[in-house]
N, C-alpha and C. Protein backbone atom coordinates (compact mmCIF):
# COMPACT_ATOMS: atom_id res chain seq x y z
N UNK A 1 74.20 -1.36 20.56
CA UNK A 1 73.90 -1.50 19.17
C UNK A 1 73.17 -2.80 18.89
N UNK A 2 73.51 -3.86 19.60
CA UNK A 2 72.83 -5.14 19.38
C UNK A 2 71.39 -5.09 19.85
N UNK A 3 71.09 -4.20 20.75
CA UNK A 3 69.71 -4.06 21.20
C UNK A 3 68.81 -3.56 20.08
N UNK A 4 69.34 -2.82 19.15
CA UNK A 4 68.56 -2.28 18.04
C UNK A 4 68.54 -3.24 16.85
N UNK A 5 69.61 -3.99 16.62
CA UNK A 5 69.75 -4.85 15.45
C UNK A 5 68.87 -6.10 15.56
N UNK A 6 68.86 -6.73 16.69
CA UNK A 6 68.09 -7.97 16.84
C UNK A 6 66.58 -7.76 16.67
N UNK A 7 65.96 -6.79 17.27
CA UNK A 7 64.54 -6.57 17.03
C UNK A 7 64.24 -6.18 15.58
N UNK A 8 65.15 -5.42 14.95
CA UNK A 8 64.95 -5.03 13.57
C UNK A 8 65.00 -6.26 12.66
N UNK A 9 65.98 -7.13 12.88
CA UNK A 9 66.07 -8.37 12.09
C UNK A 9 64.86 -9.26 12.32
N UNK A 10 64.41 -9.36 13.54
CA UNK A 10 63.23 -10.17 13.84
C UNK A 10 62.00 -9.60 13.14
N UNK A 11 61.88 -8.28 13.12
CA UNK A 11 60.74 -7.66 12.44
C UNK A 11 60.82 -7.90 10.94
N UNK A 12 62.01 -7.76 10.36
CA UNK A 12 62.17 -8.01 8.92
C UNK A 12 61.88 -9.46 8.57
N UNK A 13 62.32 -10.38 9.40
CA UNK A 13 62.04 -11.80 9.16
C UNK A 13 60.54 -12.06 9.25
N UNK A 14 59.90 -11.43 10.21
CA UNK A 14 58.45 -11.57 10.34
C UNK A 14 57.71 -11.02 9.14
N UNK A 15 58.14 -9.87 8.65
CA UNK A 15 57.50 -9.26 7.48
C UNK A 15 57.70 -10.15 6.26
N UNK A 16 58.91 -10.65 6.06
CA UNK A 16 59.19 -11.53 4.92
C UNK A 16 58.40 -12.83 5.01
N UNK A 17 58.30 -13.38 6.21
CA UNK A 17 57.51 -14.61 6.39
C UNK A 17 56.05 -14.35 6.10
N UNK A 18 55.54 -13.23 6.57
CA UNK A 18 54.14 -12.87 6.29
C UNK A 18 53.90 -12.65 4.82
N UNK A 19 54.84 -12.00 4.15
CA UNK A 19 54.72 -11.77 2.71
C UNK A 19 54.72 -13.08 1.95
N UNK A 20 55.63 -13.98 2.34
CA UNK A 20 55.69 -15.29 1.68
C UNK A 20 54.42 -16.09 1.88
N UNK A 21 53.92 -16.09 3.11
CA UNK A 21 52.69 -16.83 3.39
C UNK A 21 51.51 -16.24 2.63
N UNK A 22 51.44 -14.92 2.57
CA UNK A 22 50.35 -14.26 1.84
C UNK A 22 50.44 -14.56 0.35
N UNK A 23 51.64 -14.53 -0.19
CA UNK A 23 51.83 -14.83 -1.61
C UNK A 23 51.40 -16.26 -1.91
N UNK A 24 51.80 -17.22 -1.07
CA UNK A 24 51.40 -18.60 -1.28
C UNK A 24 49.89 -18.75 -1.20
N UNK A 25 49.27 -18.08 -0.23
CA UNK A 25 47.83 -18.15 -0.08
C UNK A 25 47.12 -17.64 -1.32
N UNK A 26 47.55 -16.49 -1.82
CA UNK A 26 46.88 -15.91 -2.99
C UNK A 26 47.12 -16.74 -4.25
N UNK A 27 48.30 -17.31 -4.39
CA UNK A 27 48.57 -18.16 -5.54
C UNK A 27 47.68 -19.41 -5.50
N UNK A 28 47.59 -20.02 -4.33
CA UNK A 28 46.72 -21.21 -4.21
C UNK A 28 45.27 -20.85 -4.45
N UNK A 29 44.86 -19.71 -3.92
CA UNK A 29 43.48 -19.28 -4.12
C UNK A 29 43.19 -19.03 -5.60
N UNK A 30 44.11 -18.38 -6.29
CA UNK A 30 43.93 -18.12 -7.72
C UNK A 30 43.90 -19.43 -8.50
N UNK A 31 44.77 -20.37 -8.13
CA UNK A 31 44.79 -21.67 -8.80
C UNK A 31 43.48 -22.42 -8.56
N UNK A 32 43.00 -22.39 -7.33
CA UNK A 32 41.74 -23.05 -7.02
C UNK A 32 40.58 -22.40 -7.76
N UNK A 33 40.58 -21.08 -7.87
CA UNK A 33 39.53 -20.39 -8.62
C UNK A 33 39.58 -20.76 -10.09
N UNK A 34 40.80 -20.85 -10.64
CA UNK A 34 40.93 -21.26 -12.04
C UNK A 34 40.40 -22.67 -12.25
N UNK A 35 40.68 -23.54 -11.30
CA UNK A 35 40.18 -24.91 -11.38
C UNK A 35 38.66 -24.93 -11.30
N UNK A 36 38.10 -24.14 -10.40
CA UNK A 36 36.65 -24.06 -10.29
C UNK A 36 36.02 -23.55 -11.58
N UNK A 37 36.62 -22.54 -12.16
CA UNK A 37 36.09 -21.98 -13.40
C UNK A 37 36.14 -23.02 -14.51
N UNK A 38 37.25 -23.77 -14.60
CA UNK A 38 37.35 -24.81 -15.62
C UNK A 38 36.30 -25.89 -15.42
N UNK A 39 36.07 -26.27 -14.16
CA UNK A 39 35.06 -27.29 -13.88
C UNK A 39 33.67 -26.79 -14.24
N UNK A 40 33.37 -25.55 -13.88
CA UNK A 40 32.06 -24.99 -14.21
C UNK A 40 31.87 -24.88 -15.71
N UNK A 41 32.90 -24.44 -16.41
CA UNK A 41 32.79 -24.35 -17.86
C UNK A 41 32.61 -25.72 -18.48
N UNK A 42 33.29 -26.71 -17.92
CA UNK A 42 33.11 -28.08 -18.42
C UNK A 42 31.69 -28.56 -18.21
N UNK A 43 31.13 -28.27 -17.05
CA UNK A 43 29.74 -28.65 -16.78
C UNK A 43 28.80 -27.91 -17.72
N UNK A 44 29.08 -26.61 -17.92
CA UNK A 44 28.23 -25.83 -18.82
C UNK A 44 28.30 -26.39 -20.24
N UNK A 45 29.49 -26.78 -20.67
CA UNK A 45 29.64 -27.35 -22.00
C UNK A 45 28.85 -28.64 -22.11
N UNK A 46 28.91 -29.47 -21.06
CA UNK A 46 28.13 -30.71 -21.08
C UNK A 46 26.63 -30.42 -21.14
N UNK A 47 26.18 -29.44 -20.37
CA UNK A 47 24.76 -29.09 -20.38
C UNK A 47 24.34 -28.53 -21.74
N UNK A 48 25.19 -27.70 -22.31
CA UNK A 48 24.87 -27.12 -23.62
C UNK A 48 24.79 -28.23 -24.67
N UNK A 49 25.74 -29.16 -24.63
CA UNK A 49 25.70 -30.26 -25.60
C UNK A 49 24.46 -31.13 -25.41
N UNK A 50 24.06 -31.35 -24.17
CA UNK A 50 22.84 -32.13 -23.91
C UNK A 50 21.61 -31.39 -24.45
N UNK A 51 21.56 -30.08 -24.23
CA UNK A 51 20.43 -29.30 -24.75
C UNK A 51 20.41 -29.29 -26.27
N UNK A 52 21.59 -29.21 -26.87
CA UNK A 52 21.65 -29.24 -28.34
C UNK A 52 21.15 -30.57 -28.88
N UNK A 53 21.53 -31.66 -28.24
CA UNK A 53 21.07 -32.97 -28.73
C UNK A 53 19.57 -33.12 -28.54
N UNK A 54 19.04 -32.62 -27.41
CA UNK A 54 17.59 -32.68 -27.22
C UNK A 54 16.86 -31.82 -28.24
N UNK A 55 17.42 -30.66 -28.56
CA UNK A 55 16.83 -29.79 -29.58
C UNK A 55 16.85 -30.48 -30.94
N UNK A 56 17.95 -31.14 -31.25
CA UNK A 56 18.03 -31.85 -32.53
C UNK A 56 17.00 -32.97 -32.60
N UNK A 57 16.80 -33.67 -31.48
CA UNK A 57 15.78 -34.73 -31.44
C UNK A 57 14.39 -34.14 -31.65
N UNK A 58 14.11 -33.01 -31.01
CA UNK A 58 12.79 -32.38 -31.17
C UNK A 58 12.59 -31.89 -32.60
N UNK A 59 13.65 -31.33 -33.18
CA UNK A 59 13.53 -30.87 -34.57
C UNK A 59 13.29 -32.04 -35.51
N UNK A 60 13.94 -33.17 -35.25
CA UNK A 60 13.72 -34.36 -36.08
C UNK A 60 12.29 -34.86 -35.92
N UNK A 61 11.80 -34.87 -34.68
CA UNK A 61 10.42 -35.30 -34.44
C UNK A 61 9.43 -34.35 -35.11
N UNK A 62 9.71 -33.06 -35.06
CA UNK A 62 8.83 -32.10 -35.71
C UNK A 62 8.84 -32.29 -37.23
N UNK A 63 10.00 -32.65 -37.77
CA UNK A 63 10.09 -32.92 -39.19
C UNK A 63 9.25 -34.12 -39.59
N UNK A 64 9.29 -35.16 -38.76
CA UNK A 64 8.47 -36.36 -39.03
C UNK A 64 6.99 -36.02 -38.94
N UNK A 65 6.62 -35.24 -37.92
CA UNK A 65 5.22 -34.84 -37.77
C UNK A 65 4.76 -33.97 -38.94
N UNK A 66 5.61 -33.07 -39.39
CA UNK A 66 5.26 -32.22 -40.52
C UNK A 66 5.07 -33.06 -41.78
N UNK A 67 5.93 -34.03 -41.98
CA UNK A 67 5.81 -34.91 -43.15
C UNK A 67 4.52 -35.72 -43.08
N UNK A 68 4.21 -36.25 -41.88
CA UNK A 68 2.99 -37.02 -41.72
C UNK A 68 1.76 -36.14 -41.93
N UNK A 69 1.80 -34.93 -41.42
CA UNK A 69 0.69 -34.00 -41.60
C UNK A 69 0.49 -33.67 -43.07
N UNK A 70 1.58 -33.45 -43.78
CA UNK A 70 1.48 -33.18 -45.22
C UNK A 70 0.86 -34.36 -45.96
N UNK A 71 1.26 -35.57 -45.61
CA UNK A 71 0.71 -36.76 -46.25
C UNK A 71 -0.79 -36.88 -45.98
N UNK A 72 -1.19 -36.64 -44.73
CA UNK A 72 -2.61 -36.73 -44.36
C UNK A 72 -3.40 -35.64 -45.07
N UNK A 73 -2.84 -34.42 -45.11
CA UNK A 73 -3.53 -33.33 -45.81
C UNK A 73 -3.70 -33.63 -47.29
N UNK A 74 -2.68 -34.19 -47.91
CA UNK A 74 -2.76 -34.53 -49.33
C UNK A 74 -3.80 -35.62 -49.56
N UNK A 75 -3.85 -36.62 -48.70
CA UNK A 75 -4.83 -37.69 -48.84
C UNK A 75 -6.24 -37.15 -48.64
N UNK A 76 -6.42 -36.27 -47.67
CA UNK A 76 -7.73 -35.68 -47.41
C UNK A 76 -8.15 -34.81 -48.60
N UNK A 77 -7.21 -34.07 -49.15
CA UNK A 77 -7.53 -33.22 -50.31
C UNK A 77 -7.96 -34.08 -51.49
N UNK A 78 -7.28 -35.20 -51.71
CA UNK A 78 -7.69 -36.10 -52.80
C UNK A 78 -9.07 -36.68 -52.54
N UNK A 79 -9.33 -37.03 -51.30
CA UNK A 79 -10.62 -37.62 -50.94
C UNK A 79 -11.74 -36.61 -51.13
N UNK A 80 -11.55 -35.39 -50.68
CA UNK A 80 -12.61 -34.38 -50.83
C UNK A 80 -12.77 -33.98 -52.29
N UNK A 81 -11.69 -33.98 -53.04
CA UNK A 81 -11.79 -33.64 -54.47
C UNK A 81 -12.60 -34.69 -55.20
N UNK A 82 -12.42 -35.96 -54.88
CA UNK A 82 -13.18 -37.02 -55.54
C UNK A 82 -14.65 -36.97 -55.17
N UNK A 83 -14.90 -36.69 -53.87
CA UNK A 83 -16.30 -36.66 -53.46
C UNK A 83 -17.02 -35.45 -54.04
N UNK A 84 -16.33 -34.36 -54.27
CA UNK A 84 -16.95 -33.18 -54.86
C UNK A 84 -17.22 -33.36 -56.35
N UNK A 85 -16.37 -34.18 -56.98
CA UNK A 85 -16.58 -34.45 -58.39
C UNK A 85 -17.70 -35.46 -58.64
N UNK A 86 -18.12 -36.11 -57.60
CA UNK A 86 -19.17 -37.09 -57.72
C UNK A 86 -18.64 -38.49 -58.07
N UNK A 87 -17.34 -38.64 -57.99
CA UNK A 87 -16.76 -39.93 -58.28
C UNK A 87 -16.80 -40.85 -57.08
N UNK A 88 -16.42 -42.10 -57.26
CA UNK A 88 -16.42 -43.04 -56.15
C UNK A 88 -15.35 -42.68 -55.12
N UNK A 89 -15.70 -42.87 -53.90
CA UNK A 89 -14.73 -42.63 -52.82
C UNK A 89 -14.22 -43.98 -52.34
N UNK A 90 -12.96 -44.05 -52.05
CA UNK A 90 -12.40 -45.35 -51.62
C UNK A 90 -12.88 -45.76 -50.24
């Protein structure tokens, strides 16, 4: 009877040890993947924020250029209106 019990116990211990090792491996792997995802999302958030700030800077610069263009257009319109009327030009 002991010839049958000892190999069976050894096999059960081996199966349990393998199950435990596999469970630990998968838990660590899942934790590492979660960490990787968090790091990637953090990097993506940083990149998105950098792009947003650059876009805001470009929009501000475009606003300044539009204002300057409007001022130049208005001055040119006044200048051409005076010259067409035959008045003195500055």
